[in-house]
């Protein structure tokens, strides 16, 4: 095989303070792909970001700036002197408009009014990296893997097109087609923006790799049904791989309030929901189920980990006004990896009531820990969780409540907090990265063989 020089782009995630599904996938792939590439006898894969029309390998100085950017986004107020914070906070307390309060007092993983200084600092970090030079000059031996959220960086596609014209091989990872298949959850404007992004993917990729078979089939259907796509320039090589799930011992402190809530010595730790507050995540169904349960079983608890997303004001308001808040209902928008891992290990069970997903990473993360896992009965959850999950009817709070009561009865009989299901063996991130890399190298080698055949 002609040796490929592999580049993994992380333009969005490298400086992001978010910890949702896509960011966890990208960070894990960037961690393991270089190791797997070296094991395959290739030069170690390099992680890069896109700056002013070029891909630049990450260096230590840029990494330092990007870490600072991500911390800034994770908690914007951390980077503002406390003597200055009282002004916007005081105004926010008395301002009647919700949008203005969000701008002055941003939630974790949101920048609000601090977006402008954050953007200035981001441009400063990028400019310094650009000046240091050493941009990647693509050739026929270059293989570029694009696993990130590229609807947020649309300018990248002109660079990708030039990369291919120089002989480079492009692989794009697609996480889901939800803005197209379920536009009601994102709105018309974001749906059209995503459609444009997907058109760029299928036009500028030599290989498309989906995070599940369900998403792979959705991409194929999109290509066949989209009349504006040129069939002669559309990527037809569409594959899938399985995302990893293991959570290594996470660094970071665990706040006492979370350590106590998910105590190893407590029989009645909360049931856990992990995921951004977004309409498609369907938090309402879980709360409805617990509203039924709390009438007879007030000791049961529900805890939700997730950043505040878009169009979720109704569920946030419902939680804030709920009579069980901080008694049986708990919410954390800023849980770190160590706290998430602790919660997985000690919760009474994971609930995943989502309406639609590209994969459903919390399902396999929960199963990795041997935690009892309840998921809404959808095709993608069946694909991901198999026989290891307990499935409940989507849209039926009673179905979820019944599943929880059945599990509570089993726990009373056995005395166990949770059980490890031997029927399910989640894939490690290292094995997942290996699957992706093998698909990339196979498609890359097939192109070489086709070119040789044509030359002959």
Protein backbone atom coordinates (compact mmCIF):
# COMPACT_ATOMS: atom_id res chain seq x y z
CA UNK A 1 0.00 0.00 0.00
CA UNK A 2 1.18 3.49 -0.79
CA UNK A 3 1.83 5.07 2.61
CA UNK A 4 -0.82 7.61 3.50
CA UNK A 5 -0.12 10.73 5.51
CA UNK A 6 -3.16 11.09 7.76
CA UNK A 7 -4.57 14.36 9.04
CA UNK A 8 -7.51 14.59 11.44
CA UNK A 9 -9.23 17.96 11.57
CA UNK A 10 -10.75 19.25 14.83
CA UNK A 11 -11.53 22.83 13.84
CA UNK A 12 -14.71 23.11 15.91
CA UNK A 13 -14.00 20.86 18.87
CA UNK A 14 -10.39 21.86 19.59
CA UNK A 15 -11.49 25.19 21.07
CA UNK A 16 -14.95 24.18 22.26
CA UNK A 17 -15.97 24.08 25.89
CA UNK A 18 -18.93 21.81 25.15
CA UNK A 19 -19.01 18.16 26.14
CA UNK A 20 -21.91 16.84 24.09
CA UNK A 21 -21.84 13.79 21.83
CA UNK A 22 -19.97 15.17 18.82
CA UNK A 23 -17.25 16.77 20.92
CA UNK A 24 -16.72 13.53 22.86
CA UNK A 25 -16.46 11.59 19.59
CA UNK A 26 -13.98 14.01 18.02
CA UNK A 27 -11.77 14.17 21.11
CA UNK A 28 -11.68 10.38 21.38
CA UNK A 29 -10.82 9.90 17.71
CA UNK A 30 -8.07 12.52 17.91
CA UNK A 31 -6.67 10.69 20.92
CA UNK A 32 -6.63 7.18 19.44
CA UNK A 33 -6.26 7.56 15.65
CA UNK A 34 -2.56 8.55 15.85
CA UNK A 35 -1.84 5.49 17.99
CA UNK A 36 -3.77 3.17 15.65
CA UNK A 37 -2.10 4.65 12.56
CA UNK A 38 1.32 3.98 14.06
CA UNK A 39 0.28 0.39 14.85
CA UNK A 40 -0.74 -0.01 11.20
CA UNK A 41 2.80 0.94 10.17
CA UNK A 42 1.92 4.46 9.08
CA UNK A 43 3.41 7.74 10.14
CA UNK A 44 1.59 8.99 13.22
CA UNK A 45 -1.59 10.82 12.26
CA UNK A 46 -1.57 14.53 12.96
CA UNK A 47 -4.40 16.60 14.42
CA UNK A 48 -5.02 19.90 12.63
CA UNK A 49 -7.30 22.91 12.53
CA UNK A 50 -8.46 25.04 9.61
CA UNK A 51 -7.18 28.63 9.53
CA UNK A 52 -7.62 31.09 6.64
CA UNK A 53 -7.91 28.50 3.89
CA UNK A 54 -5.23 26.09 5.15
CA UNK A 55 -4.92 23.14 7.51
CA UNK A 56 -2.27 23.61 10.20
CA UNK A 57 -1.03 20.81 12.48
CA UNK A 58 -1.70 21.61 16.12
CA UNK A 59 1.40 22.67 18.01
CA UNK A 60 1.87 23.11 21.75
CA UNK A 61 1.39 26.87 21.69
CA UNK A 62 -1.87 26.59 19.80
CA UNK A 63 -3.08 23.79 22.09
CA UNK A 64 -2.51 26.05 25.08
CA UNK A 65 -4.60 28.82 23.53
CA UNK A 66 -7.36 26.41 22.51
CA UNK A 67 -7.55 24.94 26.03
CA UNK A 68 -8.00 28.46 27.35
CA UNK A 69 -10.73 29.09 24.76
CA UNK A 70 -12.59 25.92 25.75
CA UNK A 71 -12.42 26.78 29.45
CA UNK A 72 -13.71 30.24 28.62
CA UNK A 73 -16.71 28.82 26.77
CA UNK A 74 -17.39 26.22 29.47
CA UNK A 75 -17.65 28.98 32.08
CA UNK A 76 -17.54 32.46 30.53
CA UNK A 77 -17.63 34.31 33.82
CA UNK A 78 -14.44 32.59 34.98
CA UNK A 79 -12.48 34.92 32.70
CA UNK A 80 -14.09 38.12 33.91
CA UNK A 81 -12.72 39.89 37.02
CA UNK A 82 -15.19 39.53 39.86
CA UNK A 83 -15.22 43.27 40.43
CA UNK A 84 -16.61 43.66 36.91
CA UNK A 85 -19.16 40.84 37.10
CA UNK A 86 -21.48 42.61 39.51
CA UNK A 87 -22.56 45.10 36.83
CA UNK A 88 -24.06 42.63 34.29
CA UNK A 89 -25.29 40.34 37.09
CA UNK A 90 -27.10 43.17 38.82
CA UNK A 91 -28.71 44.26 35.56
CA UNK A 92 -29.70 40.65 34.78
CA UNK A 93 -31.49 40.31 38.12
CA UNK A 94 -33.80 43.22 37.30
CA UNK A 95 -34.09 42.97 33.52
CA UNK A 96 -37.55 41.76 32.47
CA UNK A 97 -36.56 40.21 29.13
CA UNK A 98 -35.33 36.60 29.20
CA UNK A 99 -33.02 36.97 26.20
CA UNK A 100 -31.20 39.88 27.80
CA UNK A 101 -30.78 37.96 31.05
CA UNK A 102 -29.24 35.06 29.11
CA UNK A 103 -26.88 37.51 27.41
CA UNK A 104 -25.79 39.04 30.71
CA UNK A 105 -25.73 35.82 32.74
CA UNK A 106 -24.82 33.05 30.25
CA UNK A 107 -25.41 29.42 31.17
CA UNK A 108 -22.46 26.98 31.18
CA UNK A 109 -21.18 26.29 27.64
CA UNK A 110 -22.73 29.54 26.42
CA UNK A 111 -20.89 32.82 25.95
CA UNK A 112 -23.71 35.35 25.99
CA UNK A 113 -22.30 38.86 26.14
CA UNK A 114 -18.78 37.50 26.40
CA UNK A 115 -18.94 36.19 22.82
CA UNK A 116 -17.18 39.22 21.35
CA UNK A 117 -14.04 39.09 23.56
CA UNK A 118 -13.98 35.31 23.12
CA UNK A 119 -14.07 35.74 19.34
CA UNK A 120 -11.27 38.31 19.48
CA UNK A 121 -9.13 35.93 21.52
CA UNK A 122 -9.95 33.08 19.09
CA UNK A 123 -8.81 35.17 16.13
CA UNK A 124 -5.64 36.06 18.05
CA UNK A 125 -4.85 32.36 18.67
CA UNK A 126 -5.48 31.51 15.02
CA UNK A 127 -3.42 34.46 13.73
CA UNK A 128 -0.43 33.45 15.85
CA UNK A 129 -0.62 29.90 14.49
CA UNK A 130 -0.95 31.19 10.92
CA UNK A 131 2.13 33.38 11.30
CA UNK A 132 4.21 30.45 12.57
CA UNK A 133 3.46 28.72 9.27
CA UNK A 134 4.03 25.07 8.26
CA UNK A 135 0.60 24.63 6.66
CA UNK A 136 -0.12 21.21 5.19
CA UNK A 137 0.57 21.04 1.44
CA UNK A 138 -1.64 18.21 0.15
CA UNK A 139 -0.48 15.57 -2.31
CA UNK A 140 -1.74 12.22 -3.56
CA UNK A 141 -0.47 10.58 -0.35
CA UNK A 142 -2.60 12.75 1.93
CA UNK A 143 -5.69 11.38 3.63
CA UNK A 144 -7.83 13.98 5.42
CA UNK A 145 -10.41 12.84 8.00
CA UNK A 146 -13.17 15.33 8.85
CA UNK A 147 -15.06 14.17 11.98
CA UNK A 148 -16.25 17.52 13.33
CA UNK A 149 -19.34 19.78 13.24
CA UNK A 150 -18.73 21.48 9.88
CA UNK A 151 -22.07 23.26 9.65
CA UNK A 152 -20.41 25.63 12.15
CA UNK A 153 -17.35 26.21 9.91
CA UNK A 154 -18.74 26.50 6.35
CA UNK A 155 -15.59 28.19 5.03
CA UNK A 156 -13.74 24.89 5.29
CA UNK A 157 -15.29 23.41 2.13
CA UNK A 158 -13.41 25.61 -0.34
CA UNK A 159 -10.19 24.41 1.29
CA UNK A 160 -11.37 20.80 1.13
CA UNK A 161 -12.13 21.22 -2.58
CA UNK A 162 -8.58 22.49 -3.21
CA UNK A 163 -7.23 19.64 -1.08
CA UNK A 164 -8.91 17.11 -3.40
CA UNK A 165 -7.79 18.92 -6.56
CA UNK A 166 -4.21 18.55 -5.27
CA UNK A 167 -4.72 14.79 -5.08
CA UNK A 168 -5.72 14.46 -1.43
CA UNK A 169 -8.26 11.87 -0.28
CA UNK A 170 -11.13 13.18 1.89
CA UNK A 171 -13.17 11.21 4.43
CA UNK A 172 -16.09 12.86 6.23
CA UNK A 173 -17.75 11.47 9.33
CA UNK A 174 -21.49 12.19 9.53
CA UNK A 175 -23.17 12.04 12.93
CA UNK A 176 -26.85 12.37 12.01
CA UNK A 177 -29.35 13.91 9.58
CA UNK A 178 -31.76 15.15 12.24
CA UNK A 179 -32.08 18.73 10.90
CA UNK A 180 -33.32 17.22 7.64
CA UNK A 181 -35.32 14.21 8.87
CA UNK A 182 -36.82 16.10 11.84
CA UNK A 183 -36.73 19.83 10.96
CA UNK A 184 -39.32 20.59 13.65
CA UNK A 185 -36.56 20.34 16.25
CA UNK A 186 -34.23 22.91 14.66
CA UNK A 187 -36.38 25.30 12.64
CA UNK A 188 -36.45 26.07 8.92
CA UNK A 189 -33.31 28.24 8.88
CA UNK A 190 -31.05 25.71 10.60
CA UNK A 191 -32.54 22.90 8.52
CA UNK A 192 -31.62 24.69 5.29
CA UNK A 193 -28.14 25.46 6.64
CA UNK A 194 -27.65 21.81 7.45
CA UNK A 195 -28.92 20.75 4.03
CA UNK A 196 -26.26 22.96 2.43
CA UNK A 197 -23.63 21.37 4.71
CA UNK A 198 -24.70 17.85 3.69
CA UNK A 199 -24.57 18.83 0.03
CA UNK A 200 -20.95 19.88 0.59
CA UNK A 201 -20.23 16.55 2.29
CA UNK A 202 -21.55 14.40 -0.52
CA UNK A 203 -19.90 16.62 -3.16
CA UNK A 204 -16.44 17.00 -1.62
CA UNK A 205 -15.86 13.59 0.01
CA UNK A 206 -14.24 10.48 -1.42
CA UNK A 207 -15.66 8.43 1.45
CA UNK A 208 -18.48 9.12 3.91
CA UNK A 209 -18.50 7.20 7.18
CA UNK A 210 -21.64 7.34 9.35
CA UNK A 211 -21.70 6.71 13.09
CA UNK A 212 -24.41 4.04 12.68
CA UNK A 213 -26.07 1.91 10.04
CA UNK A 214 -29.24 3.96 10.49
CA UNK A 215 -27.42 7.19 9.61
CA UNK A 216 -25.65 5.46 6.71
CA UNK A 217 -29.04 4.52 5.24
CA UNK A 218 -30.35 8.06 5.82
CA UNK A 219 -27.41 9.49 3.83
CA UNK A 220 -28.04 7.08 0.94
CA UNK A 221 -31.73 8.06 0.91
CA UNK A 222 -30.81 11.75 0.92
CA UNK A 223 -28.54 11.31 -2.10
CA UNK A 224 -31.16 9.40 -4.05
CA UNK A 225 -33.96 11.85 -3.26
CA UNK A 226 -32.09 15.14 -3.76
CA UNK A 227 -32.66 16.30 -7.37
CA UNK A 228 -30.09 19.14 -7.25
CA UNK A 229 -27.10 16.85 -6.69
CA UNK A 230 -24.88 16.06 -9.67
CA UNK A 231 -24.68 12.30 -9.84
CA UNK A 232 -21.22 12.34 -11.43
CA UNK A 233 -19.67 14.29 -8.53
CA UNK A 234 -21.59 12.74 -5.64
CA UNK A 235 -19.82 10.38 -3.26
CA UNK A 236 -21.23 6.86 -3.51
CA UNK A 237 -18.95 5.13 -1.01
CA UNK A 238 -20.93 5.33 2.24
CA UNK A 239 -20.00 3.15 5.19
CA UNK A 240 -20.53 3.06 8.95
CA UNK A 241 -18.54 2.32 12.06
CA UNK A 242 -19.38 1.80 15.73
CA UNK A 243 -18.61 4.51 18.24
CA UNK A 244 -16.62 3.69 21.34
CA UNK A 245 -17.99 3.97 24.81
CA UNK A 246 -15.44 3.45 27.51
CA UNK A 247 -14.80 6.21 29.96
CA UNK A 248 -11.29 6.24 31.33
CA UNK A 249 -10.66 7.39 34.88
CA UNK A 250 -11.61 11.01 34.43
CA UNK A 251 -9.55 13.80 35.88
CA UNK A 252 -11.18 16.54 37.85
CA UNK A 253 -12.82 17.07 41.19
CA UNK A 254 -16.30 15.92 42.11
CA UNK A 255 -18.38 18.49 43.92
CA UNK A 256 -19.54 17.25 47.35
CA UNK A 257 -23.19 17.83 46.42
CA UNK A 258 -22.88 15.42 43.46
CA UNK A 259 -20.75 12.94 45.41
CA UNK A 260 -23.42 12.84 48.13
CA UNK A 261 -26.29 12.64 45.64
CA UNK A 262 -24.71 9.62 43.93
CA UNK A 263 -23.26 8.00 47.03
CA UNK A 264 -22.09 4.39 46.80
CA UNK A 265 -23.74 3.69 50.16
CA UNK A 266 -27.16 5.05 49.18
CA UNK A 267 -29.74 2.56 47.91
CA UNK A 268 -31.91 5.36 46.49
CA UNK A 269 -29.54 7.30 44.25
CA UNK A 270 -31.18 9.19 41.37
CA UNK A 271 -32.05 7.87 37.97
CA UNK A 272 -29.88 9.75 35.51
CA UNK A 273 -30.50 11.52 32.19
CA UNK A 274 -27.46 12.65 30.16
CA UNK A 275 -27.93 14.98 27.21
CA UNK A 276 -28.41 18.59 26.19
CA UNK A 277 -31.73 20.19 26.99
CA UNK A 278 -33.28 20.11 23.56
CA UNK A 279 -36.86 19.26 22.48
CA UNK A 280 -35.83 16.04 20.74
CA UNK A 281 -34.18 14.78 23.94
CA UNK A 282 -37.70 14.50 25.35
CA UNK A 283 -37.06 15.42 28.99
CA UNK A 284 -40.78 16.07 29.42
CA UNK A 285 -41.63 12.37 29.15
CA UNK A 286 -39.22 11.49 31.95
CA UNK A 287 -40.61 14.24 34.20
CA UNK A 288 -44.17 13.12 33.39
CA UNK A 289 -43.26 9.55 34.38
CA UNK A 290 -41.75 10.69 37.68
CA UNK A 291 -44.74 12.92 38.39
CA UNK A 292 -46.77 9.70 38.31
CA UNK A 293 -44.25 7.82 40.43
CA UNK A 294 -43.72 10.52 43.07
CA UNK A 295 -47.36 10.33 44.13
CA UNK A 296 -46.77 6.82 45.53
CA UNK A 297 -42.97 6.56 45.69
CA UNK A 298 -41.69 9.95 46.88
CA UNK A 299 -38.23 8.50 47.65
CA UNK A 300 -37.42 8.08 43.94
CA UNK A 301 -35.09 10.69 42.43
CA UNK A 302 -34.35 11.99 38.96
CA UNK A 303 -31.17 13.89 38.02
CA UNK A 304 -30.44 15.51 34.67
CA UNK A 305 -26.96 16.36 33.35
CA UNK A 306 -26.85 18.55 30.25
CA UNK A 307 -26.10 21.98 28.86
CA UNK A 308 -28.94 24.35 28.03
CA UNK A 309 -29.68 23.99 24.34
CA UNK A 310 -32.04 25.84 22.04
CA UNK A 311 -35.85 25.99 22.21
CA UNK A 312 -35.89 24.42 25.68
CA UNK A 313 -37.30 27.32 27.72
CA UNK A 314 -40.46 25.35 28.51
CA UNK A 315 -38.73 22.38 30.10
CA UNK A 316 -36.25 24.59 31.97
CA UNK A 317 -39.12 26.67 33.37
CA UNK A 318 -41.00 23.51 34.30
CA UNK A 319 -37.99 22.22 36.23
CA UNK A 320 -37.35 25.53 37.98
CA UNK A 321 -40.97 25.68 39.17
CA UNK A 322 -41.30 21.97 40.00
CA UNK A 323 -42.23 21.27 43.65
CA UNK A 324 -39.71 18.39 43.76
CA UNK A 325 -36.77 20.54 42.64
CA UNK A 326 -33.73 19.81 44.83
CA UNK A 327 -35.76 17.22 46.74
CA UNK A 328 -36.39 14.53 44.15
CA UNK A 329 -35.53 16.41 40.96
CA UNK A 330 -31.98 17.65 40.35
CA UNK A 331 -30.35 19.43 37.40
CA UNK A 332 -26.70 20.21 36.60
CA UNK A 333 -25.74 22.09 33.44
CA UNK A 334 -21.99 22.08 34.11
CA UNK A 335 -21.03 18.55 35.17
CA UNK A 336 -17.44 17.65 34.31
CA UNK A 337 -16.16 14.27 33.08
CA UNK A 338 -15.30 13.05 36.58
CA UNK A 339 -18.79 13.89 37.85
CA UNK A 340 -20.40 12.26 34.83
CA UNK A 341 -18.41 9.08 35.38
CA UNK A 342 -19.28 9.07 39.10
CA UNK A 343 -22.97 9.45 38.26
CA UNK A 344 -22.90 6.61 35.72
CA UNK A 345 -21.27 4.33 38.29
CA UNK A 346 -23.66 5.04 41.14
CA UNK A 347 -27.02 6.00 39.65
CA UNK A 348 -30.05 3.74 39.98
CA UNK A 349 -30.33 3.59 36.21
CA UNK A 350 -29.93 5.65 33.05
CA UNK A 351 -32.98 6.99 31.23
CA UNK A 352 -32.69 7.90 27.56
CA UNK A 353 -36.11 9.06 26.30
CA UNK A 354 -34.80 10.75 23.13
CA UNK A 355 -37.08 10.95 20.10
CA UNK A 356 -34.33 10.78 17.47
CA UNK A 357 -30.54 10.27 17.54
CA UNK A 358 -27.66 9.58 15.23
CA UNK A 359 -26.19 7.14 17.72
CA UNK A 360 -27.11 7.69 21.37
CA UNK A 361 -23.74 7.72 23.10
CA UNK A 362 -25.11 7.79 26.69
CA UNK A 363 -26.66 4.36 26.07
CA UNK A 364 -23.34 2.65 25.47
CA UNK A 365 -21.55 4.75 28.08
CA UNK A 366 -24.11 3.57 30.61
CA UNK A 367 -23.87 -0.06 29.51
CA UNK A 368 -20.09 0.17 29.71
CA UNK A 369 -20.47 0.82 33.42
CA UNK A 370 -22.91 -2.06 33.83
CA UNK A 371 -25.70 0.36 34.67
CA UNK A 372 -29.33 -0.52 34.13
CA UNK A 373 -30.30 1.33 30.96
CA UNK A 374 -33.78 2.36 29.82
CA UNK A 375 -34.19 3.73 26.28
CA UNK A 376 -37.11 4.83 24.16
CA UNK A 377 -38.02 2.21 21.60
CA UNK A 378 -36.60 3.60 18.34
CA UNK A 379 -34.65 1.85 15.54
CA UNK A 380 -31.34 3.55 16.36
CA UNK A 381 -31.62 2.69 20.06
CA UNK A 382 -32.34 -0.94 19.12
CA UNK A 383 -29.25 -0.88 16.91
CA UNK A 384 -27.05 0.62 19.60
CA UNK A 385 -28.36 -1.08 22.74
CA UNK A 386 -29.59 -4.40 21.42
CA UNK A 387 -30.85 -6.82 24.06
CA UNK A 388 -28.93 -5.05 26.84
CA UNK A 389 -31.45 -2.19 27.20
CA UNK A 390 -34.95 -2.08 28.60
CA UNK A 391 -37.08 -0.30 26.03
CA UNK A 392 -40.16 1.78 26.78
CA UNK A 393 -42.78 3.26 24.49
CA UNK A 394 -41.89 6.65 23.08
CA UNK A 395 -44.41 9.25 24.21
CA UNK A 396 -45.88 7.10 26.99
CA UNK A 397 -44.92 8.24 30.51
CA UNK A 398 -46.81 5.23 31.88
CA UNK A 399 -44.61 2.82 29.91
CA UNK A 400 -41.47 4.39 31.41
CA UNK A 401 -42.97 4.46 34.91
CA UNK A 402 -43.89 0.77 34.64
CA UNK A 403 -40.35 -0.12 33.52
CA UNK A 404 -38.85 1.73 36.50
CA UNK A 405 -41.24 0.07 38.97
CA UNK A 406 -40.39 -3.35 37.56
CA UNK A 407 -36.68 -2.61 38.04
CA UNK A 408 -37.27 -1.32 41.57
CA UNK A 409 -39.02 -4.58 42.42
CA UNK A 410 -36.09 -6.61 41.05
CA UNK A 411 -33.66 -4.53 43.08
CA UNK A 412 -35.67 -5.14 46.24
CA UNK A 413 -35.45 -8.89 45.62
CA UNK A 414 -31.76 -9.08 44.72
CA UNK A 415 -30.38 -6.24 46.82
CA UNK A 416 -28.24 -5.03 43.93
CA UNK A 417 -28.05 -1.37 42.88
CA UNK A 418 -27.59 -2.33 39.25
CA UNK A 419 -26.54 -5.29 37.20
CA UNK A 420 -23.91 -5.85 34.55
CA UNK A 421 -25.44 -7.31 31.39
CA UNK A 422 -23.01 -9.82 29.94
CA UNK A 423 -24.92 -9.84 26.63
CA UNK A 424 -23.48 -6.44 25.77
CA UNK A 425 -19.81 -5.67 25.27
CA UNK A 426 -19.39 -2.01 24.30
CA UNK A 427 -16.62 -1.21 21.87
CA UNK A 428 -13.60 0.66 23.16
CA UNK A 429 -12.65 3.98 21.61
CA UNK A 430 -9.39 2.44 20.46
CA UNK A 431 -11.27 -0.28 18.58
CA UNK A 432 -13.72 2.28 17.22
CA UNK A 433 -10.87 4.43 15.89
CA UNK A 434 -9.40 1.28 14.34
CA UNK A 435 -12.67 0.56 12.53
CA UNK A 436 -12.77 4.07 11.14
CA UNK A 437 -9.14 4.03 10.07
CA UNK A 438 -9.48 0.62 8.37
CA UNK A 439 -12.47 1.92 6.37
CA UNK A 440 -10.45 4.99 5.37
CA UNK A 441 -7.39 2.98 4.32
CA UNK A 442 -9.49 0.48 2.39
CA UNK A 443 -11.21 3.24 0.39
CA UNK A 444 -7.87 5.01 -0.10
CA UNK A 445 -6.23 1.85 -1.41
CA UNK A 446 -9.19 1.18 -3.71
CA UNK A 447 -8.64 4.57 -5.31
CA UNK A 448 -4.97 3.76 -5.90
CA UNK A 449 -5.91 0.46 -7.53
CA UNK A 450 -8.51 2.16 -9.74
CA UNK A 451 -6.00 4.80 -10.83
CA UNK A 452 -3.42 2.11 -11.67
CA UNK A 453 -6.04 0.19 -13.64
CA UNK A 454 -6.92 3.27 -15.68
CA UNK A 455 -3.26 4.06 -16.31
CA UNK A 456 -2.69 0.51 -17.58
